[in-house]
PDB file of N, CA and C in Angstrom:
ATOM      1  N   UNK A   1      27.952 -19.268  49.203  1.00  0.00           N
ATOM      2  CA  UNK A   1      26.743 -20.057  49.129  1.00  0.00           C
ATOM      3  C   UNK A   1      25.803 -20.093  49.276  1.00  0.00           C
ATOM      4  N   UNK A   2      25.330 -21.367  48.450  1.00  0.00           N
ATOM      5  CA  UNK A   2      23.983 -21.212  47.940  1.00  0.00           C
ATOM      6  C   UNK A   2      23.419 -22.144  48.292  1.00  0.00           C
ATOM      7  N   UNK A   3      21.497 -21.404  49.047  1.00  0.00           N
ATOM      8  CA  UNK A   3      20.727 -22.167  49.064  1.00  0.00           C
ATOM      9  C   UNK A   3      20.018 -22.796  48.674  1.00  0.00           C
ATOM     10  N   UNK A   4      18.689 -23.298  49.415  1.00  0.00           N
ATOM     11  CA  UNK A   4      17.957 -24.552  48.613  1.00  0.00           C
ATOM     12  C   UNK A   4      16.676 -23.427  47.932  1.00  0.00           C
ATOM     13  N   UNK A   5      16.568 -23.727  47.176  1.00  0.00           N
ATOM     14  CA  UNK A   5      15.420 -22.400  46.197  1.00  0.00           C
ATOM     15  C   UNK A   5      13.583 -22.848  47.476  1.00  0.00           C
ATOM     16  N   UNK A   6      13.766 -23.920  48.697  1.00  0.00           N
ATOM     17  CA  UNK A   6      12.639 -23.963  48.600  1.00  0.00           C
ATOM     18  C   UNK A   6      12.886 -22.857  49.827  1.00  0.00           C
ATOM     19  N   UNK A   7      13.418 -21.873  50.027  1.00  0.00           N
ATOM     20  CA  UNK A   7      14.406 -21.217  51.516  1.00  0.00           C
ATOM     21  C   UNK A   7      13.994 -19.663  50.829  1.00  0.00           C
ATOM     22  N   UNK A   8      13.798 -19.836  49.750  1.00  0.00           N
ATOM     23  CA  UNK A   8      12.993 -18.101  49.166  1.00  0.00           C
ATOM     24  C   UNK A   8      11.844 -18.430  48.977  1.00  0.00           C
ATOM     25  N   UNK A   9      11.294 -16.700  49.122  1.00  0.00           N
ATOM     26  CA  UNK A   9       9.540 -16.451  49.141  1.00  0.00           C
ATOM     27  C   UNK A   9      10.198 -15.200  48.138  1.00  0.00           C
ATOM     28  N   UNK A  10       8.910 -15.217  47.598  1.00  0.00           N
ATOM     29  CA  UNK A  10       9.210 -13.518  46.212  1.00  0.00           C
ATOM     30  C   UNK A  10       8.100 -12.518  46.875  1.00  0.00           C
ATOM     31  N   UNK A  11       8.663 -11.763  46.387  1.00  0.00           N
ATOM     32  CA  UNK A  11       8.267 -10.830  46.879  1.00  0.00           C
ATOM     33  C   UNK A  11       7.632  -9.881  45.587  1.00  0.00           C
ATOM     34  N   UNK A  12       6.987  -9.164  45.771  1.00  0.00           N
ATOM     35  CA  UNK A  12       6.850  -8.015  43.974  1.00  0.00           C
ATOM     36  C   UNK A  12       5.101  -6.976  43.876  1.00  0.00           C
ATOM     37  N   UNK A  13       5.519  -7.055  42.557  1.00  0.00           N
ATOM     38  CA  UNK A  13       4.745  -6.333  42.253  1.00  0.00           C
ATOM     39  C   UNK A  13       4.147  -6.240  41.038  1.00  0.00           C
ATOM     40  N   UNK A  14       3.079  -5.426  40.879  1.00  0.00           N
ATOM     41  CA  UNK A  14       2.627  -5.114  38.567  1.00  0.00           C
ATOM     42  C   UNK A  14       4.308  -5.264  38.105  1.00  0.00           C
ATOM     43  N   UNK A  15       5.310  -4.527  38.252  1.00  0.00           N
ATOM     44  CA  UNK A  15       6.615  -4.106  37.314  1.00  0.00           C
ATOM     45  C   UNK A  15       7.886  -5.477  37.781  1.00  0.00           C
ATOM     46  N   UNK A  16       7.908  -5.149  39.100  1.00  0.00           N
ATOM     47  CA  UNK A  16       9.791  -5.756  39.800  1.00  0.00           C
ATOM     48  C   UNK A  16       9.040  -7.164  40.147  1.00  0.00           C
ATOM     49  N   UNK A  17       9.502  -7.778  40.310  1.00  0.00           N
ATOM     50  CA  UNK A  17      10.397  -8.875  40.957  1.00  0.00           C
ATOM     51  C   UNK A  17      11.653  -9.167  41.824  1.00  0.00           C
ATOM     52  N   UNK A  18      11.232  -9.952  43.219  1.00  0.00           N
ATOM     53  CA  UNK A  18      12.963 -10.578  44.250  1.00  0.00           C
ATOM     54  C   UNK A  18      12.333 -11.142  44.884  1.00  0.00           C
ATOM     55  N   UNK A  19      13.248 -12.535  45.199  1.00  0.00           N
ATOM     56  CA  UNK A  19      13.493 -13.475  46.359  1.00  0.00           C
ATOM     57  C   UNK A  19      14.654 -12.681  47.453  1.00  0.00           C
ATOM     58  N   UNK A  20      14.090 -13.192  48.609  1.00  0.00           N
ATOM     59  CA  UNK A  20      13.819 -14.026  49.739  1.00  0.00           C
ATOM     60  C   UNK A  20      13.925 -14.346  50.384  1.00  0.00           C
ATOM     61  N   UNK A  21      15.313 -14.736  51.464  1.00  0.00           N
ATOM     62  CA  UNK A  21      15.163 -15.562  51.375  1.00  0.00           C
ATOM     63  C   UNK A  21      15.463 -15.997  52.798  1.00  0.00           C
ATOM     64  N   UNK A  22      15.197 -17.175  53.157  1.00  0.00           N
ATOM     65  CA  UNK A  22      15.317 -17.080  54.874  1.00  0.00           C
ATOM     66  C   UNK A  22      15.690 -16.941  55.946  1.00  0.00           C
ATOM     67  N   UNK A  23      17.358 -16.130  55.051  1.00  0.00           N
ATOM     68  CA  UNK A  23      18.163 -15.719  56.055  1.00  0.00           C
ATOM     69  C   UNK A  23      18.780 -14.871  56.355  1.00  0.00           C
ATOM     70  N   UNK A  24      17.693 -14.068  54.972  1.00  0.00           N
ATOM     71  CA  UNK A  24      17.830 -12.250  55.462  1.00  0.00           C
ATOM     72  C   UNK A  24      18.834 -11.730  54.611  1.00  0.00           C
ATOM     73  N   UNK A  25      18.536 -12.394  52.801  1.00  0.00           N
ATOM     74  CA  UNK A  25      19.453 -12.205  52.448  1.00  0.00           C
ATOM     75  C   UNK A  25      17.918 -11.662  50.418  1.00  0.00           C
ATOM     76  N   UNK A  26      18.434 -10.804  49.976  1.00  0.00           N
ATOM     77  CA  UNK A  26      18.130 -11.203  48.457  1.00  0.00           C
ATOM     78  C   UNK A  26      18.536 -11.362  47.560  1.00  0.00           C
ATOM     79  N   UNK A  27      18.241 -12.082  47.687  1.00  0.00           N
ATOM     80  CA  UNK A  27      19.450 -12.889  46.501  1.00  0.00           C
ATOM     81  C   UNK A  27      19.063 -13.037  44.876  1.00  0.00           C
ATOM     82  N   UNK A  28      18.311 -12.647  44.906  1.00  0.00           N
ATOM     83  CA  UNK A  28      17.702 -12.354  42.683  1.00  0.00           C
ATOM     84  C   UNK A  28      16.144 -11.030  43.447  1.00  0.00           C
ATOM     85  N   UNK A  29      17.346  -9.717  41.821  1.00  0.00           N
ATOM     86  CA  UNK A  29      15.998  -9.076  41.876  1.00  0.00           C
ATOM     87  C   UNK A  29      16.181  -8.280  40.666  1.00  0.00           C
ATOM     88  N   UNK A  30      15.242  -8.475  39.577  1.00  0.00           N
ATOM     89  CA  UNK A  30      15.434  -7.108  38.694  1.00  0.00           C
ATOM     90  C   UNK A  30      14.561  -6.328  39.087  1.00  0.00           C
ATOM     91  N   UNK A  31      15.160  -5.392  37.733  1.00  0.00           N
ATOM     92  CA  UNK A  31      14.535  -3.849  38.717  1.00  0.00           C
ATOM     93  C   UNK A  31      14.881  -2.616  38.105  1.00  0.00           C
ATOM     94  N   UNK A  32      13.839  -2.066  36.929  1.00  0.00           N
ATOM     95  CA  UNK A  32      12.739  -1.533  37.562  1.00  0.00           C
ATOM     96  C   UNK A  32      11.657  -2.422  36.324  1.00  0.00           C
ATOM     97  N   UNK A  33      11.807  -2.861  35.815  1.00  0.00           N
ATOM     98  CA  UNK A  33      10.678  -4.542  35.194  1.00  0.00           C
ATOM     99  C   UNK A  33      11.321  -5.982  35.413  1.00  0.00           C
ATOM    100  N   UNK A  34       9.855  -6.794  35.384  1.00  0.00           N
ATOM    101  CA  UNK A  34      11.709  -8.093  35.452  1.00  0.00           C
ATOM    102  C   UNK A  34      11.494  -8.440  34.183  1.00  0.00           C
ATOM    103  N   UNK A  35      12.099  -7.717  33.245  1.00  0.00           N
ATOM    104  CA  UNK A  35      12.773  -8.419  31.897  1.00  0.00           C
ATOM    105  C   UNK A  35      14.295  -7.548  32.285  1.00  0.00           C
ATOM    106  N   UNK A  36      13.745  -6.878  33.076  1.00  0.00           N
ATOM    107  CA  UNK A  36      15.598  -5.738  33.712  1.00  0.00           C
ATOM    108  C   UNK A  36      16.291  -6.746  33.851  1.00  0.00           C
ATOM    109  N   UNK A  37      17.576  -6.424  33.365  1.00  0.00           N
ATOM    110  CA  UNK A  37      19.095  -6.584  33.974  1.00  0.00           C
ATOM    111  C   UNK A  37      19.130  -6.625  35.844  1.00  0.00           C
ATOM    112  N   UNK A  38      20.109  -8.147  36.333  1.00  0.00           N
ATOM    113  CA  UNK A  38      19.619  -8.269  37.314  1.00  0.00           C
ATOM    114  C   UNK A  38      20.114  -7.250  39.103  1.00  0.00           C
ATOM    115  N   UNK A  39      19.382  -6.831  38.956  1.00  0.00           N
ATOM    116  CA  UNK A  39      20.483  -6.130  40.065  1.00  0.00           C
ATOM    117  C   UNK A  39      21.352  -6.448  41.580  1.00  0.00           C
ATOM    118  N   UNK A  40      20.493  -7.747  42.167  1.00  0.00           N
ATOM    119  CA  UNK A  40      20.717  -8.557  42.980  1.00  0.00           C
ATOM    120  C   UNK A  40      21.110 -10.306  42.139  1.00  0.00           C
ATOM    121  N   UNK A  41      21.773 -11.188  42.030  1.00  0.00           N
ATOM    122  CA  UNK A  41      22.033 -12.001  41.749  1.00  0.00           C
ATOM    123  C   UNK A  41      23.376 -13.236  42.017  1.00  0.00           C
ATOM    124  N   UNK A  42      22.624 -12.832  43.629  1.00  0.00           N
ATOM    125  CA  UNK A  42      23.575 -14.123  44.204  1.00  0.00           C
ATOM    126  C   UNK A  42      23.261 -15.420  43.839  1.00  0.00           C
ATOM    127  N   UNK A  43      22.005 -15.586  43.838  1.00  0.00           N
ATOM    128  CA  UNK A  43      21.325 -17.119  43.037  1.00  0.00           C
ATOM    129  C   UNK A  43      21.707 -17.650  42.526  1.00  0.00           C
ATOM    130  N   UNK A  44      22.472 -16.655  41.355  1.00  0.00           N
ATOM    131  CA  UNK A  44      22.807 -17.413  39.782  1.00  0.00           C
ATOM    132  C   UNK A  44      24.168 -17.710  39.835  1.00  0.00           C
ATOM    133  N   UNK A  45      25.008 -16.396  40.453  1.00  0.00           N
ATOM    134  CA  UNK A  45      26.587 -15.995  40.673  1.00  0.00           C
ATOM    135  C   UNK A  45      27.216 -15.617  41.995  1.00  0.00           C
ATOM    136  N   UNK A  46      27.418 -16.832  43.256  1.00  0.00           N
ATOM    137  CA  UNK A  46      28.201 -15.971  44.240  1.00  0.00           C
ATOM    138  C   UNK A  46      28.384 -15.898  44.548  1.00  0.00           C
ATOM    139  N   UNK A  47      29.631 -15.746  43.645  1.00  0.00           N
ATOM    140  CA  UNK A  47      30.937 -14.597  43.947  1.00  0.00           C
ATOM    141  C   UNK A  47      31.241 -13.052  43.178  1.00  0.00           C
ATOM    142  N   UNK A  48      29.828 -12.696  42.200  1.00  0.00           N
ATOM    143  CA  UNK A  48      29.879 -11.684  41.737  1.00  0.00           C
ATOM    144  C   UNK A  48      28.253 -11.342  41.484  1.00  0.00           C
ATOM    145  N   UNK A  49      27.073 -12.042  41.736  1.00  0.00           N
ATOM    146  CA  UNK A  49      25.701 -11.825  41.792  1.00  0.00           C
ATOM    147  C   UNK A  49      25.025 -11.031  41.558  1.00  0.00           C
ATOM    148  N   UNK A  50      26.278 -10.966  43.549  1.00  0.00           N
ATOM    149  CA  UNK A  50      25.603  -9.479  44.619  1.00  0.00           C
ATOM    150  C   UNK A  50      23.532  -9.646  44.871  1.00  0.00           C
ATOM    151  N   UNK A  51      24.064  -9.277  46.551  1.00  0.00           N
ATOM    152  CA  UNK A  51      22.650  -9.183  47.126  1.00  0.00           C
ATOM    153  C   UNK A  51      22.513  -8.414  48.988  1.00  0.00           C
ATOM    154  N   UNK A  52      21.690  -8.259  48.523  1.00  0.00           N
ATOM    155  CA  UNK A  52      21.060  -6.852  49.732  1.00  0.00           C
ATOM    156  C   UNK A  52      20.786  -7.982  51.817  1.00  0.00           C
ATOM    157  N   UNK A  53      22.123  -8.146  51.908  1.00  0.00           N
ATOM    158  CA  UNK A  53      21.873  -8.952  53.241  1.00  0.00           C
ATOM    159  C   UNK A  53      21.081  -8.716  54.535  1.00  0.00           C
ATOM    160  N   UNK A  54      20.338  -9.185  55.448  1.00  0.00           N
ATOM    161  CA  UNK A  54      20.319  -8.074  56.674  1.00  0.00           C
ATOM    162  C   UNK A  54      19.337  -8.830  58.145  1.00  0.00           C
ATOM    163  N   UNK A  55      20.460  -9.580  58.120  1.00  0.00           N
ATOM    164  CA  UNK A  55      20.141 -10.687  59.244  1.00  0.00           C
ATOM    165  C   UNK A  55      20.764 -10.534  61.069  1.00  0.00           C
ATOM    166  N   UNK A  56      20.212 -10.916  61.401  1.00  0.00           N
ATOM    167  CA  UNK A  56      21.348 -11.079  62.451  1.00  0.00           C
ATOM    168  C   UNK A  56      22.821 -11.207  62.634  1.00  0.00           C
ATOM    169  N   UNK A  57      23.505 -10.933  64.261  1.00  0.00           N
ATOM    170  CA  UNK A  57      25.423 -11.366  63.722  1.00  0.00           C
ATOM    171  C   UNK A  57      25.449 -11.933  64.749  1.00  0.00           C
ATOM    172  N   UNK A  58      24.860 -12.728  65.320  1.00  0.00           N
ATOM    173  CA  UNK A  58      24.976 -14.142  66.004  1.00  0.00           C
ATOM    174  C   UNK A  58      23.737 -15.114  65.799  1.00  0.00           C
ATOM    175  N   UNK A  59      23.825 -16.507  66.185  1.00  0.00           N
ATOM    176  CA  UNK A  59      23.128 -17.522  65.171  1.00  0.00           C
ATOM    177  C   UNK A  59      21.925 -17.757  65.868  1.00  0.00           C
ATOM    178  N   UNK A  60      20.823 -17.855  65.146  1.00  0.00           N
ATOM    179  CA  UNK A  60      19.451 -17.640  64.637  1.00  0.00           C
ATOM    180  C   UNK A  60      18.416 -19.449  64.353  1.00  0.00           C
ATOM    181  N   UNK A  61      17.909 -18.775  64.582  1.00  0.00           N
ATOM    182  CA  UNK A  61      16.516 -19.919  63.462  1.00  0.00           C
ATOM    183  C   UNK A  61      16.074 -18.925  63.040  1.00  0.00           C
ATOM    184  N   UNK A  62      15.096 -19.516  61.691  1.00  0.00           N
ATOM    185  CA  UNK A  62      14.394 -18.419  61.246  1.00  0.00           C
ATOM    186  C   UNK A  62      12.798 -19.103  60.253  1.00  0.00           C
ATOM    187  N   UNK A  63      11.356 -18.588  60.367  1.00  0.00           N
ATOM    188  CA  UNK A  63      10.344 -19.144  59.596  1.00  0.00           C
ATOM    189  C   UNK A  63      10.648 -17.862  59.009  1.00  0.00           C
ATOM    190  N   UNK A  64       9.590 -18.408  57.641  1.00  0.00           N
ATOM    191  CA  UNK A  64       9.492 -17.161  56.790  1.00  0.00           C
ATOM    192  C   UNK A  64       7.684 -17.156  56.484  1.00  0.00           C
ATOM    193  N   UNK A  65       6.799 -16.579  56.567  1.00  0.00           N
ATOM    194  CA  UNK A  65       5.432 -16.348  56.043  1.00  0.00           C
ATOM    195  C   UNK A  65       5.118 -15.363  54.998  1.00  0.00           C
ATOM    196  N   UNK A  66       4.134 -15.448  54.253  1.00  0.00           N
ATOM    197  CA  UNK A  66       3.619 -14.543  53.635  1.00  0.00           C
ATOM    198  C   UNK A  66       2.450 -13.820  54.449  1.00  0.00           C
ATOM    199  N   UNK A  67       2.280 -12.350  54.494  1.00  0.00           N
ATOM    200  CA  UNK A  67       0.922 -12.240  54.840  1.00  0.00           C
ATOM    201  C   UNK A  67      -0.322 -11.690  53.843  1.00  0.00           C
ATOM    202  N   UNK A  68      -1.537 -13.444  54.728  1.00  0.00           N
ATOM    203  CA  UNK A  68      -2.268 -13.304  53.784  1.00  0.00           C
ATOM    204  C   UNK A  68      -2.934 -12.852  52.554  1.00  0.00           C
ATOM    205  N   UNK A  69      -2.646 -13.286  51.351  1.00  0.00           N
ATOM    206  CA  UNK A  69      -3.063 -13.229  50.245  1.00  0.00           C
ATOM    207  C   UNK A  69      -2.599 -10.899  50.096  1.00  0.00           C
ATOM    208  N   UNK A  70      -1.778 -11.436  50.331  1.00  0.00           N
ATOM    209  CA  UNK A  70      -0.433 -10.642  49.398  1.00  0.00           C
ATOM    210  C   UNK A  70       0.657 -11.519  48.876  1.00  0.00           C
ATOM    211  N   UNK A  71       1.909  -9.887  48.294  1.00  0.00           N
ATOM    212  CA  UNK A  71       2.892 -10.904  48.189  1.00  0.00           C
ATOM    213  C   UNK A  71       4.223  -9.564  49.208  1.00  0.00           C
ATOM    214  N   UNK A  72       4.252  -9.485  51.010  1.00  0.00           N
ATOM    215  CA  UNK A  72       3.957  -9.244  51.486  1.00  0.00           C
ATOM    216  C   UNK A  72       4.447 -10.108  51.633  1.00  0.00           C
ATOM    217  N   UNK A  73       6.380 -10.602  52.143  1.00  0.00           N
ATOM    218  CA  UNK A  73       6.609 -11.449  53.295  1.00  0.00           C
ATOM    219  C   UNK A  73       7.487 -11.546  54.298  1.00  0.00           C
ATOM    220  N   UNK A  74       7.402 -11.584  55.063  1.00  0.00           N
ATOM    221  CA  UNK A  74       8.126 -11.795  57.021  1.00  0.00           C
ATOM    222  C   UNK A  74       8.415 -13.205  57.396  1.00  0.00           C
ATOM    223  N   UNK A  75       9.713 -12.497  57.634  1.00  0.00           N
ATOM    224  CA  UNK A  75      11.324 -13.144  58.252  1.00  0.00           C
ATOM    225  C   UNK A  75      11.038 -13.245  59.872  1.00  0.00           C
ATOM    226  N   UNK A  76      10.858 -14.574  60.073  1.00  0.00           N
ATOM    227  CA  UNK A  76      10.860 -13.983  61.764  1.00  0.00           C
ATOM    228  C   UNK A  76      12.589 -14.169  62.366  1.00  0.00           C
ATOM    229  N   UNK A  77      12.814 -13.882  62.774  1.00  0.00           N
ATOM    230  CA  UNK A  77      14.341 -13.590  63.750  1.00  0.00           C
ATOM    231  C   UNK A  77      14.682 -14.039  65.017  1.00  0.00           C
ATOM    232  N   UNK A  78      15.033 -15.500  65.767  1.00  0.00           N
ATOM    233  CA  UNK A  78      14.888 -15.663  67.172  1.00  0.00           C
ATOM    234  C   UNK A  78      15.896 -16.292  67.648  1.00  0.00           C
ATOM    235  N   UNK A  79      16.414 -15.851  68.700  1.00  0.00           N
ATOM    236  CA  UNK A  79      18.711 -15.320  69.120  1.00  0.00           C
ATOM    237  C   UNK A  79      18.510 -15.895  70.726  1.00  0.00           C
ATOM    238  N   UNK A  80      19.613 -16.009  71.133  1.00  0.00           N
ATOM    239  CA  UNK A  80      19.219 -15.816  72.497  1.00  0.00           C
ATOM    240  C   UNK A  80      18.960 -15.168  73.760  1.00  0.00           C
ATOM    241  N   UNK A  81      19.359 -14.008  72.310  1.00  0.00           N
ATOM    242  CA  UNK A  81      19.112 -12.920  73.440  1.00  0.00           C
ATOM    243  C   UNK A  81      17.241 -12.190  72.537  1.00  0.00           C
ATOM    244  N   UNK A  82      16.752 -12.841  72.046  1.00  0.00           N
ATOM    245  CA  UNK A  82      15.649 -11.918  71.283  1.00  0.00           C
ATOM    246  C   UNK A  82      15.150 -12.332  70.292  1.00  0.00           C
ATOM    247  N   UNK A  83      14.384 -11.921  70.000  1.00  0.00           N
ATOM    248  CA  UNK A  83      13.604 -12.252  68.144  1.00  0.00           C
ATOM    249  C   UNK A  83      12.800 -10.683  67.937  1.00  0.00           C
ATOM    250  N   UNK A  84      13.047 -11.018  66.089  1.00  0.00           N
ATOM    251  CA  UNK A  84      12.677  -9.784  65.509  1.00  0.00           C
ATOM    252  C   UNK A  84      11.891 -10.370  63.876  1.00  0.00           C
ATOM    253  N   UNK A  85      11.027  -9.543  63.536  1.00  0.00           N
ATOM    254  CA  UNK A  85      10.700  -9.341  62.331  1.00  0.00           C
ATOM    255  C   UNK A  85      11.294  -8.665  61.365  1.00  0.00           C
ATOM    256  N   UNK A  86      11.597  -9.870  60.187  1.00  0.00           N
ATOM    257  CA  UNK A  86      11.889  -8.501  58.955  1.00  0.00           C
ATOM    258  C   UNK A  86      10.797  -8.669  58.070  1.00  0.00           C
ATOM    259  N   UNK A  87       9.718  -7.421  57.494  1.00  0.00           N
ATOM    260  CA  UNK A  87       9.047  -7.370  56.775  1.00  0.00           C
ATOM    261  C   UNK A  87       9.905  -7.401  55.926  1.00  0.00           C
ATOM    262  N   UNK A  88       9.756  -7.629  54.165  1.00  0.00           N
ATOM    263  CA  UNK A  88       9.580  -7.324  52.686  1.00  0.00           C
ATOM    264  C   UNK A  88       8.842  -6.685  51.752  1.00  0.00           C
ATOM    265  N   UNK A  89       8.877  -5.823  50.568  1.00  0.00           N
ATOM    266  CA  UNK A  89       7.657  -6.217  50.044  1.00  0.00           C
ATOM    267  C   UNK A  89       8.212  -4.737  49.056  1.00  0.00           C
ATOM    268  N   UNK A  90       7.482  -4.828  47.626  1.00  0.00           N
ATOM    269  CA  UNK A  90       7.723  -3.579  46.646  1.00  0.00           C
ATOM    270  C   UNK A  90       6.478  -2.673  46.789  1.00  0.00           C
ATOM    271  N   UNK A  91       6.543  -1.237  46.720  1.00  0.00           N
ATOM    272  CA  UNK A  91       6.198  -0.063  46.885  1.00  0.00           C
ATOM    273  C   UNK A  91       6.952   1.117  45.842  1.00  0.00           C
ATOM    274  N   UNK A  92       5.819   1.367  45.532  1.00  0.00           N
ATOM    275  CA  UNK A  92       5.618   2.448  44.456  1.00  0.00           C
ATOM    276  C   UNK A  92       5.800   3.449  45.328  1.00  0.00           C
ATOM    277  N   UNK A  93       6.684   4.602  44.953  1.00  0.00           N
ATOM    278  CA  UNK A  93       7.310   5.593  45.586  1.00  0.00           C
ATOM    279  C   UNK A  93       6.192   6.871  44.456  1.00  0.00           C
ATOM    280  N   UNK A  94       6.135   8.055  45.560  1.00  0.00           N
ATOM    281  CA  UNK A  94       6.062   9.684  44.971  1.00  0.00           C
ATOM    282  C   UNK A  94       5.781   9.450  43.447  1.00  0.00           C
ATOM    283  N   UNK A  95       6.907   9.341  42.794  1.00  0.00           N
ATOM    284  CA  UNK A  95       7.808   9.741  41.030  1.00  0.00           C
ATOM    285  C   UNK A  95       7.469   7.944  39.975  1.00  0.00           C
ATOM    286  N   UNK A  96       6.969   7.404  41.167  1.00  0.00           N
ATOM    287  CA  UNK A  96       6.528   6.170  40.365  1.00  0.00           C
ATOM    288  C   UNK A  96       7.541   4.641  40.490  1.00  0.00           C
ATOM    289  N   UNK A  97       8.594   4.927  40.937  1.00  0.00           N
ATOM    290  CA  UNK A  97       8.971   4.333  41.104  1.00  0.00           C
ATOM    291  C   UNK A  97       9.136   3.332  41.559  1.00  0.00           C
ATOM    292  N   UNK A  98       9.481   1.477  41.956  1.00  0.00           N
ATOM    293  CA  UNK A  98       9.464   0.365  42.699  1.00  0.00           C
ATOM    294  C   UNK A  98      10.790   0.558  42.659  1.00  0.00           C
ATOM    295  N   UNK A  99      10.046   0.337  44.639  1.00  0.00           N
ATOM    296  CA  UNK A  99      11.578   0.677  44.871  1.00  0.00           C
ATOM    297  C   UNK A  99      10.992  -1.003  46.478  1.00  0.00           C
ATOM    298  N   UNK A 100      12.326  -1.050  46.457  1.00  0.00           N
ATOM    299  CA  UNK A 100      12.419  -2.703  48.266  1.00  0.00           C
ATOM    300  C   UNK A 100      11.715  -1.538  49.707  1.00  0.00           C
ATOM    301  N   UNK A 101      10.812  -2.270  50.213  1.00  0.00           N
ATOM    302  CA  UNK A 101      10.916  -1.933  51.265  1.00  0.00           C
ATOM    303  C   UNK A 101      10.516  -2.697  52.519  1.00  0.00           C
ATOM    304  N   UNK A 102      12.433  -2.517  53.371  1.00  0.00           N
ATOM    305  CA  UNK A 102      12.689  -2.938  54.203  1.00  0.00           C
ATOM    306  C   UNK A 102      12.237  -2.485  55.396  1.00  0.00           C
ATOM    307  N   UNK A 103      11.752  -3.430  56.920  1.00  0.00           N
ATOM    308  CA  UNK A 103      11.150  -3.370  57.528  1.00  0.00           C
ATOM    309  C   UNK A 103      11.136  -3.724  58.374  1.00  0.00           C
ATOM    310  N   UNK A 104      12.157  -3.531  60.266  1.00  0.00           N
ATOM    311  CA  UNK A 104      12.634  -4.280  60.976  1.00  0.00           C
ATOM    312  C   UNK A 104      12.747  -4.153  61.718  1.00  0.00           C
ATOM    313  N   UNK A 105      11.952  -4.910  62.476  1.00  0.00           N
ATOM    314  CA  UNK A 105      10.748  -4.718  63.750  1.00  0.00           C
ATOM    315  C   UNK A 105      11.187  -5.715  65.041  1.00  0.00           C
ATOM    316  N   UNK A 106      11.753  -5.519  66.455  1.00  0.00           N
ATOM    317  CA  UNK A 106      11.928  -7.076  67.124  1.00  0.00           C
ATOM    318  C   UNK A 106      11.107  -6.622  67.964  1.00  0.00           C
ATOM    319  N   UNK A 107      10.936  -8.299  68.681  1.00  0.00           N
ATOM    320  CA  UNK A 107       9.399  -8.320  69.671  1.00  0.00           C
ATOM    321  C   UNK A 107       9.369  -8.574  70.755  1.00  0.00           C
ATOM    322  N   UNK A 108      11.605  -8.833  71.064  1.00  0.00           N
ATOM    323  CA  UNK A 108      11.314  -8.617  72.378  1.00  0.00           C
ATOM    324  C   UNK A 108      13.439  -9.167  72.281  1.00  0.00           C
ATOM    325  N   UNK A 109      14.045  -8.340  73.588  1.00  0.00           N
ATOM    326  CA  UNK A 109      15.343  -8.595  73.845  1.00  0.00           C
ATOM    327  C   UNK A 109      15.683  -7.010  73.012  1.00  0.00           C
ATOM    328  N   UNK A 110      17.075  -7.830  72.657  1.00  0.00           N
ATOM    329  CA  UNK A 110      17.732  -6.849  72.402  1.00  0.00           C
ATOM    330  C   UNK A 110      18.775  -7.789  70.947  1.00  0.00           C
ATOM    331  N   UNK A 111      18.820  -7.249  69.670  1.00  0.00           N
ATOM    332  CA  UNK A 111      19.885  -8.723  68.779  1.00  0.00           C
ATOM    333  C   UNK A 111      20.275  -6.809  67.912  1.00  0.00           C
ATOM    334  N   UNK A 112      21.817  -6.864  67.323  1.00  0.00           N
ATOM    335  CA  UNK A 112      22.258  -6.527  66.554  1.00  0.00           C
ATOM    336  C   UNK A 112      22.391  -7.107  64.994  1.00  0.00           C
ATOM    337  N   UNK A 113      22.552  -6.117  63.702  1.00  0.00           N
ATOM    338  CA  UNK A 113      21.551  -7.198  62.879  1.00  0.00           C
ATOM    339  C   UNK A 113      22.539  -6.120  61.887  1.00  0.00           C
ATOM    340  N   UNK A 114      22.696  -7.443  60.610  1.00  0.00           N
ATOM    341  CA  UNK A 114      24.310  -6.793  59.096  1.00  0.00           C
ATOM    342  C   UNK A 114      23.447  -6.547  58.445  1.00  0.00           C
ATOM    343  N   UNK A 115      24.210  -5.719  58.066  1.00  0.00           N
ATOM    344  CA  UNK A 115      23.587  -4.342  56.977  1.00  0.00           C
ATOM    345  C   UNK A 115      24.524  -4.764  55.694  1.00  0.00           C
ATOM    346  N   UNK A 116      23.717  -5.476  54.988  1.00  0.00           N
ATOM    347  CA  UNK A 116      24.826  -5.177  53.946  1.00  0.00           C
ATOM    348  C   UNK A 116      24.892  -5.475  52.569  1.00  0.00           C
ATOM    349  N   UNK A 117      24.669  -3.951  51.662  1.00  0.00           N
ATOM    350  CA  UNK A 117      24.115  -4.116  50.750  1.00  0.00           C
ATOM    351  C   UNK A 117      25.567  -3.887  49.048  1.00  0.00           C
ATOM    352  N   UNK A 118      25.339  -5.092  48.838  1.00  0.00           N
ATOM    353  CA  UNK A 118      26.136  -5.191  47.418  1.00  0.00           C
ATOM    354  C   UNK A 118      26.263  -6.041  45.460  1.00  0.00           C
ATOM    355  N   UNK A 119      25.667  -4.989  45.467  1.00  0.00           N
ATOM    356  CA  UNK A 119      24.357  -5.048  44.168  1.00  0.00           C
ATOM    357  C   UNK A 119      25.604  -5.814  42.804  1.00  0.00           C
TER     358      UNK A 119
END
């Protein structure tokens, strides 16, 4: 399934970038540099492209926004049982590697999540 480009937010740092959908999936990512081969590319090939999915198991609505003046994106998921926020960004670890950081925070209620990594 392909989402409209308007459903995506761009995260990145000085070296790598990724597109995060408001449905909780990273569908495009080049690492460790912008001109590197793709790690996730469902945006280009829905069958073989791969993605990193992180979203509620139950039906949800979602909203996405950037933290002001940053490349950090927050996606808020609301279900009948509660609300949770996923924060996505790139960070550099101690060895200098660029890594994607995904953090889930339950705002209220109880929401089981799906986590599926398919490079």
